[in-house]
Amino acid sequence: MVTMENEAGMSVPFITGPAAMGLHALSERYLGTLDGRHCYCAEVGESGLPEGAALHGLRYLFEHLDKKLHRVAMRAVHLIEWDKNERFCGRCGHATNNKMEMNAKECPRCRHVTFPRISPAVIVLVEKEGKLLLARASRFAEEMYSVLAGFVEPGETLEETVRREIEEEVGIKVWNIRYFGSQPWPFPDSLMIGFTAEYESGELKIDGSEIERAAWFDPEALPLIPGKISIARELIDWFVERKPV
């Protein structure tokens, strides 16, 4: 995302379009309004940025942008990625056209219509006797632990996904599954659906594929955990705040 930076801090440029900054737009998408302003996103070519401008990823910007503006940025990243991946019809291979009245693409040859892909995934905080279950996945940064998560499979309810993912990854059964909240997660196109659950039975036994280590942690002795941009951190913070004084 392009931002403007000066001694006063960081901001998003208010411009009529990428050309105003000397940038060439490969594609553009309307994002809706924020505080009465119309918002757009664009994929730009590899050209130099004007003085005072910089490029940053969503994780970095979370600590520097207003929360509402960051949500718009997340929507922008999701739509730009979808736009790049759906330029040709998945049914007949013809180049697609944008539908003007909605975020959708239509094939002019076979009339197949596609919408932005959203991949639902559950993310679960499991508790047992005042401790929470955290695991380290092979893809994580060194020593990072988090709550467990996994994608929903066709034909599953969200609760079934929670039970299956927990049992597949760490070998235990859970119960008392409760909805916590949700978060768009455009890396590249997920919707994270948060739950809490309680330990029911079994011993921890990691799958050895996705999960490298897993253990029960006391809220006062946590390992390195995800940053505040993620619903994973929201779940962990919620659990820690509930601990009796």
C-alpha atoms as a PDB file:
ATOM      1  CA  MET A   1       0.000   0.000   0.000  1.00  0.00           C
ATOM      2  CA  VAL A   2       1.281   3.469  -0.908  1.00  0.00           C
ATOM      3  CA  THR A   3       1.481   5.911   1.997  1.00  0.00           C
ATOM      4  CA  MET A   4       2.803   9.433   2.431  1.00  0.00           C
ATOM      5  CA  GLU A   5       5.269  10.016   5.216  1.00  0.00           C
ATOM      6  CA  ASN A   6       6.604  13.203   6.779  1.00  0.00           C
ATOM      7  CA  GLU A   7       7.564  14.582  10.183  1.00  0.00           C
ATOM      8  CA  ALA A   8       3.883  14.625  11.206  1.00  0.00           C
ATOM      9  CA  GLY A   9       3.518  10.892  10.617  1.00  0.00           C
ATOM     10  CA  MET A  10       1.993   8.573   8.031  1.00  0.00           C
ATOM     11  CA  SER A  11      -1.156   9.085   5.952  1.00  0.00           C
ATOM     12  CA  VAL A  12      -2.910   7.753   2.895  1.00  0.00           C
ATOM     13  CA  PRO A  13      -2.798  10.151  -0.081  1.00  0.00           C
ATOM     14  CA  PHE A  14      -6.079  11.838  -1.029  1.00  0.00           C
ATOM     15  CA  ILE A  15      -5.815  11.933  -4.826  1.00  0.00           C
ATOM     16  CA  THR A  16      -8.063  11.660  -7.863  1.00  0.00           C
ATOM     17  CA  GLY A  17      -6.210   8.595  -9.131  1.00  0.00           C
ATOM     18  CA  PRO A  18      -2.784   6.924  -9.442  1.00  0.00           C
ATOM     19  CA  ALA A  19      -1.838   9.221 -12.336  1.00  0.00           C
ATOM     20  CA  ALA A  20      -1.798  12.142  -9.898  1.00  0.00           C
ATOM     21  CA  MET A  21       1.246  10.499  -8.291  1.00  0.00           C
ATOM     22  CA  GLY A  22       2.851   9.550 -11.595  1.00  0.00           C
ATOM     23  CA  LEU A  23       1.775   5.917 -11.268  1.00  0.00           C
ATOM     24  CA  HIS A  24       0.259   3.758 -14.001  1.00  0.00           C
ATOM     25  CA  ALA A  25      -2.833   1.782 -12.947  1.00  0.00           C
ATOM     26  CA  LEU A  26      -3.083  -1.764 -14.307  1.00  0.00           C
ATOM     27  CA  SER A  27      -6.529  -2.222 -12.732  1.00  0.00           C
ATOM     28  CA  GLU A  28      -8.816  -0.282 -10.398  1.00  0.00           C
ATOM     29  CA  ARG A  29     -11.616  -1.193  -7.977  1.00  0.00           C
ATOM     30  CA  TYR A  30     -14.165   0.853  -6.075  1.00  0.00           C
ATOM     31  CA  LEU A  31     -14.140   0.165  -2.327  1.00  0.00           C
ATOM     32  CA  GLY A  32     -17.096   2.204  -1.083  1.00  0.00           C
ATOM     33  CA  THR A  33     -16.973   5.238   1.186  1.00  0.00           C
ATOM     34  CA  LEU A  34     -15.155   6.056   4.407  1.00  0.00           C
ATOM     35  CA  ASP A  35     -16.331   9.095   6.367  1.00  0.00           C
ATOM     36  CA  GLY A  36     -18.017  10.438   3.242  1.00  0.00           C
ATOM     37  CA  ARG A  37     -15.000   9.979   0.947  1.00  0.00           C
ATOM     38  CA  HIS A  38     -15.101   7.620  -2.015  1.00  0.00           C
ATOM     39  CA  CYS A  39     -12.300   5.051  -1.829  1.00  0.00           C
ATOM     40  CA  TYR A  40     -10.604   3.205  -4.678  1.00  0.00           C
ATOM     41  CA  CYS A  41      -7.763   0.748  -4.966  1.00  0.00           C
ATOM     42  CA  ALA A  42      -5.462   0.117  -7.904  1.00  0.00           C
ATOM     43  CA  GLU A  43      -2.721  -2.258  -8.956  1.00  0.00           C
ATOM     44  CA  VAL A  44       0.128  -0.094 -10.219  1.00  0.00           C
ATOM     45  CA  GLY A  45       3.068  -0.820 -12.482  1.00  0.00           C
ATOM     46  CA  GLU A  46       6.663  -0.888 -11.366  1.00  0.00           C
ATOM     47  CA  SER A  47       7.481   2.787 -11.546  1.00  0.00           C
ATOM     48  CA  GLY A  48       9.149   5.159  -9.127  1.00  0.00           C
ATOM     49  CA  LEU A  49       7.188   6.603  -6.227  1.00  0.00           C
ATOM     50  CA  PRO A  50       7.066  10.373  -5.714  1.00  0.00           C
ATOM     51  CA  GLU A  51       9.065  12.002  -2.943  1.00  0.00           C
ATOM     52  CA  GLY A  52       7.616  11.320   0.486  1.00  0.00           C
ATOM     53  CA  ALA A  53       5.782   8.162  -0.625  1.00  0.00           C
ATOM     54  CA  ALA A  54       6.538   4.633   0.560  1.00  0.00           C
ATOM     55  CA  LEU A  55       5.196   1.101   0.142  1.00  0.00           C
ATOM     56  CA  HIS A  56       4.215  -0.938   3.212  1.00  0.00           C
ATOM     57  CA  GLY A  57       2.431  -4.234   3.889  1.00  0.00           C
ATOM     58  CA  LEU A  58      -0.759  -4.628   5.904  1.00  0.00           C
ATOM     59  CA  ARG A  59       0.934  -6.036   8.996  1.00  0.00           C
ATOM     60  CA  TYR A  60       3.226  -3.020   9.308  1.00  0.00           C
ATOM     61  CA  LEU A  61       0.406  -0.560   8.629  1.00  0.00           C
ATOM     62  CA  PHE A  62      -1.772  -1.958  11.417  1.00  0.00           C
ATOM     63  CA  GLU A  63       0.360  -0.118  13.966  1.00  0.00           C
ATOM     64  CA  HIS A  64       0.406   3.125  11.984  1.00  0.00           C
ATOM     65  CA  LEU A  65      -3.026   3.652  10.406  1.00  0.00           C
ATOM     66  CA  ASP A  66      -6.447   4.384  11.835  1.00  0.00           C
ATOM     67  CA  LYS A  67      -8.334   1.111  12.383  1.00  0.00           C
ATOM     68  CA  LYS A  68     -11.144   1.999   9.965  1.00  0.00           C
ATOM     69  CA  LEU A  69      -8.672   2.948   7.262  1.00  0.00           C
ATOM     70  CA  HIS A  70      -6.736  -0.261   7.801  1.00  0.00           C
ATOM     71  CA  ARG A  71      -9.939  -2.265   7.253  1.00  0.00           C
ATOM     72  CA  VAL A  72     -10.384  -0.502   3.919  1.00  0.00           C
ATOM     73  CA  ALA A  73      -6.782  -1.387   3.054  1.00  0.00           C
ATOM     74  CA  MET A  74      -7.466  -5.059   3.841  1.00  0.00           C
ATOM     75  CA  ARG A  75     -10.459  -5.003   1.514  1.00  0.00           C
ATOM     76  CA  ALA A  76      -8.315  -3.402  -1.175  1.00  0.00           C
ATOM     77  CA  VAL A  77      -5.613  -6.080  -0.962  1.00  0.00           C
ATOM     78  CA  HIS A  78      -8.226  -8.846  -1.158  1.00  0.00           C
ATOM     79  CA  LEU A  79      -9.880  -7.351  -4.250  1.00  0.00           C
ATOM     80  CA  ILE A  80      -6.646  -6.594  -6.083  1.00  0.00           C
ATOM     81  CA  GLU A  81      -5.419 -10.157  -5.551  1.00  0.00           C
ATOM     82  CA  TRP A  82      -8.742 -11.551  -6.781  1.00  0.00           C
ATOM     83  CA  ASP A  83      -8.684  -9.247  -9.798  1.00  0.00           C
ATOM     84  CA  LYS A  84      -5.237 -10.527 -10.813  1.00  0.00           C
ATOM     85  CA  ASN A  85      -6.269 -14.174 -10.458  1.00  0.00           C
ATOM     86  CA  GLU A  86      -9.580 -13.971 -12.334  1.00  0.00           C
ATOM     87  CA  ARG A  87      -8.625 -12.234 -15.563  1.00  0.00           C
ATOM     88  CA  PHE A  88      -9.582 -15.306 -17.565  1.00  0.00           C
ATOM     89  CA  CYS A  89     -12.707 -17.436 -17.350  1.00  0.00           C
ATOM     90  CA  GLY A  90     -12.210 -20.655 -15.422  1.00  0.00           C
ATOM     91  CA  ARG A  91     -14.864 -22.353 -17.567  1.00  0.00           C
ATOM     92  CA  CYS A  92     -13.821 -21.515 -21.155  1.00  0.00           C
ATOM     93  CA  GLY A  93     -10.549 -19.573 -20.833  1.00  0.00           C
ATOM     94  CA  HIS A  94     -11.736 -16.317 -22.434  1.00  0.00           C
ATOM     95  CA  ALA A  95     -10.691 -12.947 -20.977  1.00  0.00           C
ATOM     96  CA  THR A  96     -13.246 -11.684 -18.439  1.00  0.00           C
ATOM     97  CA  ASN A  97     -14.901  -8.290 -18.129  1.00  0.00           C
ATOM     98  CA  ASN A  98     -15.649  -6.392 -14.934  1.00  0.00           C
ATOM     99  CA  LYS A  99     -19.304  -6.032 -14.015  1.00  0.00           C
ATOM    100  CA  MET A 100     -19.819  -2.382 -13.209  1.00  0.00           C
ATOM    101  CA  GLU A 101     -22.666  -2.695 -10.702  1.00  0.00           C
ATOM    102  CA  MET A 102     -20.887  -5.142  -8.378  1.00  0.00           C
ATOM    103  CA  ASN A 103     -17.567  -6.775  -7.539  1.00  0.00           C
ATOM    104  CA  ALA A 104     -17.834  -9.547 -10.085  1.00  0.00           C
ATOM    105  CA  LYS A 105     -16.365 -10.652 -13.401  1.00  0.00           C
ATOM    106  CA  GLU A 106     -18.313 -11.964 -16.375  1.00  0.00           C
ATOM    107  CA  CYS A 107     -17.098 -13.939 -19.357  1.00  0.00           C
ATOM    108  CA  PRO A 108     -18.390 -12.341 -22.601  1.00  0.00           C
ATOM    109  CA  ARG A 109     -18.244 -15.727 -24.356  1.00  0.00           C
ATOM    110  CA  CYS A 110     -20.012 -18.154 -21.991  1.00  0.00           C
ATOM    111  CA  ARG A 111     -21.549 -15.598 -19.563  1.00  0.00           C
ATOM    112  CA  HIS A 112     -20.041 -17.322 -16.541  1.00  0.00           C
ATOM    113  CA  VAL A 113     -19.974 -14.919 -13.579  1.00  0.00           C
ATOM    114  CA  THR A 114     -17.436 -15.120 -10.748  1.00  0.00           C
ATOM    115  CA  PHE A 115     -17.306 -13.220  -7.461  1.00  0.00           C
ATOM    116  CA  PRO A 116     -14.373 -12.535  -5.122  1.00  0.00           C
ATOM    117  CA  ARG A 117     -13.229 -15.745  -3.512  1.00  0.00           C
ATOM    118  CA  ILE A 118     -13.644 -15.934   0.275  1.00  0.00           C
ATOM    119  CA  SER A 119     -12.123 -18.951   2.001  1.00  0.00           C
ATOM    120  CA  PRO A 120     -13.660 -19.580   5.461  1.00  0.00           C
ATOM    121  CA  ALA A 121     -11.355 -20.869   8.172  1.00  0.00           C
ATOM    122  CA  VAL A 122     -11.929 -21.515  11.871  1.00  0.00           C
ATOM    123  CA  ILE A 123      -9.505 -20.377  14.535  1.00  0.00           C
ATOM    124  CA  VAL A 124      -9.938 -21.824  18.016  1.00  0.00           C
ATOM    125  CA  LEU A 125      -8.771 -21.127  21.545  1.00  0.00           C
ATOM    126  CA  VAL A 126      -8.959 -24.350  23.571  1.00  0.00           C
ATOM    127  CA  GLU A 127      -8.783 -24.131  27.356  1.00  0.00           C
ATOM    128  CA  LYS A 128      -8.158 -26.741  30.055  1.00  0.00           C
ATOM    129  CA  GLU A 129      -8.001 -26.124  33.799  1.00  0.00           C
ATOM    130  CA  GLY A 130      -7.037 -22.470  33.463  1.00  0.00           C
ATOM    131  CA  LYS A 131      -4.497 -23.025  30.692  1.00  0.00           C
ATOM    132  CA  LEU A 132      -4.739 -22.445  26.948  1.00  0.00           C
ATOM    133  CA  LEU A 133      -3.549 -24.621  24.103  1.00  0.00           C
ATOM    134  CA  LEU A 134      -0.938 -23.049  21.834  1.00  0.00           C
ATOM    135  CA  ALA A 135       0.914 -24.684  18.979  1.00  0.00           C
ATOM    136  CA  ARG A 136       3.820 -23.931  16.703  1.00  0.00           C
ATOM    137  CA  ALA A 137       3.295 -24.513  12.985  1.00  0.00           C
ATOM    138  CA  SER A 138       6.207 -25.191  10.668  1.00  0.00           C
ATOM    139  CA  ARG A 139       5.455 -22.003   8.690  1.00  0.00           C
ATOM    140  CA  PHE A 140       5.686 -19.714  11.757  1.00  0.00           C
ATOM    141  CA  ALA A 141       8.550 -17.411  12.571  1.00  0.00           C
ATOM    142  CA  GLU A 142      11.049 -18.920  15.007  1.00  0.00           C
ATOM    143  CA  GLU A 143       9.566 -19.613  18.455  1.00  0.00           C
ATOM    144  CA  MET A 144       6.123 -18.228  17.518  1.00  0.00           C
ATOM    145  CA  TYR A 145       3.095 -20.028  18.962  1.00  0.00           C
ATOM    146  CA  SER A 146      -0.589 -19.444  18.273  1.00  0.00           C
ATOM    147  CA  VAL A 147      -4.040 -20.948  18.647  1.00  0.00           C
ATOM    148  CA  LEU A 148      -5.078 -23.639  16.168  1.00  0.00           C
ATOM    149  CA  ALA A 149      -6.766 -22.898  12.861  1.00  0.00           C
ATOM    150  CA  GLY A 150      -7.866 -24.651   9.687  1.00  0.00           C
ATOM    151  CA  PHE A 151      -9.968 -24.282   6.558  1.00  0.00           C
ATOM    152  CA  VAL A 152     -13.582 -25.397   6.308  1.00  0.00           C
ATOM    153  CA  GLU A 153     -14.120 -28.367   4.004  1.00  0.00           C
ATOM    154  CA  PRO A 154     -17.132 -28.836   1.675  1.00  0.00           C
ATOM    155  CA  GLY A 155     -20.191 -30.128   3.532  1.00  0.00           C
ATOM    156  CA  GLU A 156     -18.913 -29.222   7.006  1.00  0.00           C
ATOM    157  CA  THR A 157     -20.492 -27.021   9.617  1.00  0.00           C
ATOM    158  CA  LEU A 158     -18.127 -24.647  11.388  1.00  0.00           C
ATOM    159  CA  GLU A 159     -18.430 -26.668  14.590  1.00  0.00           C
ATOM    160  CA  GLU A 160     -17.510 -29.856  12.743  1.00  0.00           C
ATOM    161  CA  THR A 161     -14.447 -28.106  11.337  1.00  0.00           C
ATOM    162  CA  VAL A 162     -13.393 -27.089  14.855  1.00  0.00           C
ATOM    163  CA  ARG A 163     -13.611 -30.673  16.119  1.00  0.00           C
ATOM    164  CA  ARG A 164     -11.874 -32.161  13.080  1.00  0.00           C
ATOM    165  CA  GLU A 165      -9.003 -29.678  12.955  1.00  0.00           C
ATOM    166  CA  ILE A 166      -8.233 -29.954  16.652  1.00  0.00           C
ATOM    167  CA  GLU A 167      -8.279 -33.757  16.576  1.00  0.00           C
ATOM    168  CA  GLU A 168      -6.242 -33.963  13.353  1.00  0.00           C
ATOM    169  CA  GLU A 169      -3.551 -31.528  14.467  1.00  0.00           C
ATOM    170  CA  VAL A 170      -3.111 -32.315  18.171  1.00  0.00           C
ATOM    171  CA  GLY A 171      -5.104 -35.499  18.828  1.00  0.00           C
ATOM    172  CA  ILE A 172      -7.620 -34.283  21.425  1.00  0.00           C
ATOM    173  CA  LYS A 173     -11.400 -33.892  21.513  1.00  0.00           C
ATOM    174  CA  VAL A 174     -13.138 -30.640  22.495  1.00  0.00           C
ATOM    175  CA  TRP A 175     -16.623 -29.596  23.563  1.00  0.00           C
ATOM    176  CA  ASN A 176     -18.615 -26.462  24.497  1.00  0.00           C
ATOM    177  CA  ILE A 177     -17.703 -24.790  21.201  1.00  0.00           C
ATOM    178  CA  ARG A 178     -18.750 -21.131  21.224  1.00  0.00           C
ATOM    179  CA  TYR A 179     -18.564 -18.375  18.633  1.00  0.00           C
ATOM    180  CA  PHE A 180     -16.115 -15.574  19.486  1.00  0.00           C
ATOM    181  CA  GLY A 181     -15.912 -13.266  16.464  1.00  0.00           C
ATOM    182  CA  SER A 182     -14.626 -13.018  12.915  1.00  0.00           C
ATOM    183  CA  GLN A 183     -12.014 -11.166  10.900  1.00  0.00           C
ATOM    184  CA  PRO A 184     -11.329 -10.681   7.192  1.00  0.00           C
ATOM    185  CA  TRP A 185      -7.821 -11.961   6.532  1.00  0.00           C
ATOM    186  CA  PRO A 186      -6.672 -11.123   2.979  1.00  0.00           C
ATOM    187  CA  PHE A 187      -3.579 -13.356   2.924  1.00  0.00           C
ATOM    188  CA  PRO A 188      -4.819 -13.899   0.317  1.00  0.00           C
ATOM    189  CA  ASP A 189      -8.583 -14.385   0.736  1.00  0.00           C
ATOM    190  CA  SER A 190      -9.565 -15.882   4.095  1.00  0.00           C
ATOM    191  CA  LEU A 191     -12.353 -15.107   6.514  1.00  0.00           C
ATOM    192  CA  MET A 192     -11.227 -16.165   9.987  1.00  0.00           C
ATOM    193  CA  ILE A 193     -14.106 -17.312  12.214  1.00  0.00           C
ATOM    194  CA  GLY A 194     -13.082 -17.424  15.844  1.00  0.00           C
ATOM    195  CA  PHE A 195     -14.315 -19.903  18.455  1.00  0.00           C
ATOM    196  CA  THR A 196     -13.539 -20.906  22.009  1.00  0.00           C
ATOM    197  CA  ALA A 197     -13.753 -24.528  23.146  1.00  0.00           C
ATOM    198  CA  GLU A 198     -13.025 -26.642  26.194  1.00  0.00           C
ATOM    199  CA  TYR A 199     -10.854 -29.727  26.423  1.00  0.00           C
ATOM    200  CA  GLU A 200     -12.873 -32.955  26.557  1.00  0.00           C
ATOM    201  CA  SER A 201     -10.490 -35.910  26.303  1.00  0.00           C
ATOM    202  CA  GLY A 202      -7.263 -37.303  24.880  1.00  0.00           C
ATOM    203  CA  GLU A 203      -3.542 -36.616  25.090  1.00  0.00           C
ATOM    204  CA  LEU A 204      -1.669 -34.101  22.971  1.00  0.00           C
ATOM    205  CA  LYS A 205      -0.211 -35.819  19.941  1.00  0.00           C
ATOM    206  CA  ILE A 206       0.933 -33.513  17.157  1.00  0.00           C
ATOM    207  CA  ASP A 207       0.409 -34.457  13.523  1.00  0.00           C
ATOM    208  CA  GLY A 208       4.111 -33.884  12.701  1.00  0.00           C
ATOM    209  CA  SER A 209       3.191 -32.254   9.411  1.00  0.00           C
ATOM    210  CA  GLU A 210       1.572 -28.873   9.985  1.00  0.00           C
ATOM    211  CA  ILE A 211       2.256 -28.742  13.718  1.00  0.00           C
ATOM    212  CA  GLU A 212       5.774 -29.028  15.174  1.00  0.00           C
ATOM    213  CA  ARG A 213       4.994 -28.496  18.873  1.00  0.00           C
ATOM    214  CA  ALA A 214       1.946 -27.979  21.079  1.00  0.00           C
ATOM    215  CA  ALA A 215       1.472 -27.480  24.807  1.00  0.00           C
ATOM    216  CA  TRP A 216      -0.796 -26.076  27.512  1.00  0.00           C
ATOM    217  CA  PHE A 217       0.350 -22.637  28.703  1.00  0.00           C
ATOM    218  CA  ASP A 218      -0.439 -20.652  31.809  1.00  0.00           C
ATOM    219  CA  PRO A 219      -1.629 -17.113  30.934  1.00  0.00           C
ATOM    220  CA  GLU A 220       1.280 -15.697  32.963  1.00  0.00           C
ATOM    221  CA  ALA A 221       3.932 -17.711  31.104  1.00  0.00           C
ATOM    222  CA  LEU A 222       3.136 -17.336  27.416  1.00  0.00           C
ATOM    223  CA  PRO A 223       5.637 -17.877  24.585  1.00  0.00           C
ATOM    224  CA  LEU A 224       6.004 -15.482  21.665  1.00  0.00           C
ATOM    225  CA  ILE A 225       2.466 -14.956  20.257  1.00  0.00           C
ATOM    226  CA  PRO A 226       0.990 -13.224  17.162  1.00  0.00           C
ATOM    227  CA  GLY A 227       0.712  -9.443  16.876  1.00  0.00           C
ATOM    228  CA  LYS A 228      -2.430  -7.477  17.590  1.00  0.00           C
ATOM    229  CA  ILE A 229      -3.497  -7.366  13.928  1.00  0.00           C
ATOM    230  CA  SER A 230      -4.858 -10.918  14.192  1.00  0.00           C
ATOM    231  CA  ILE A 231      -7.948 -12.457  15.754  1.00  0.00           C
ATOM    232  CA  ALA A 232      -5.554 -15.068  17.149  1.00  0.00           C
ATOM    233  CA  ARG A 233      -4.162 -12.369  19.432  1.00  0.00           C
ATOM    234  CA  GLU A 234      -7.686 -11.186  20.286  1.00  0.00           C
ATOM    235  CA  LEU A 235      -8.541 -14.698  21.482  1.00  0.00           C
ATOM    236  CA  ILE A 236      -5.373 -14.981  23.552  1.00  0.00           C
ATOM    237  CA  ASP A 237      -5.784 -11.515  25.081  1.00  0.00           C
ATOM    238  CA  TRP A 238      -9.415 -12.295  25.921  1.00  0.00           C
ATOM    239  CA  PHE A 239      -8.358 -15.456  27.754  1.00  0.00           C
ATOM    240  CA  VAL A 240      -5.575 -13.722  29.670  1.00  0.00           C
ATOM    241  CA  GLU A 241      -7.888 -10.895  30.766  1.00  0.00           C
ATOM    242  CA  ARG A 242     -10.351 -13.444  32.186  1.00  0.00           C
ATOM    243  CA  LYS A 243      -7.778 -14.987  34.502  1.00  0.00           C
ATOM    244  CA  PRO A 244      -8.822 -14.413  38.157  1.00  0.00           C
ATOM    245  CA  VAL A 245      -6.648 -11.968  40.070  1.00  0.00           C
END
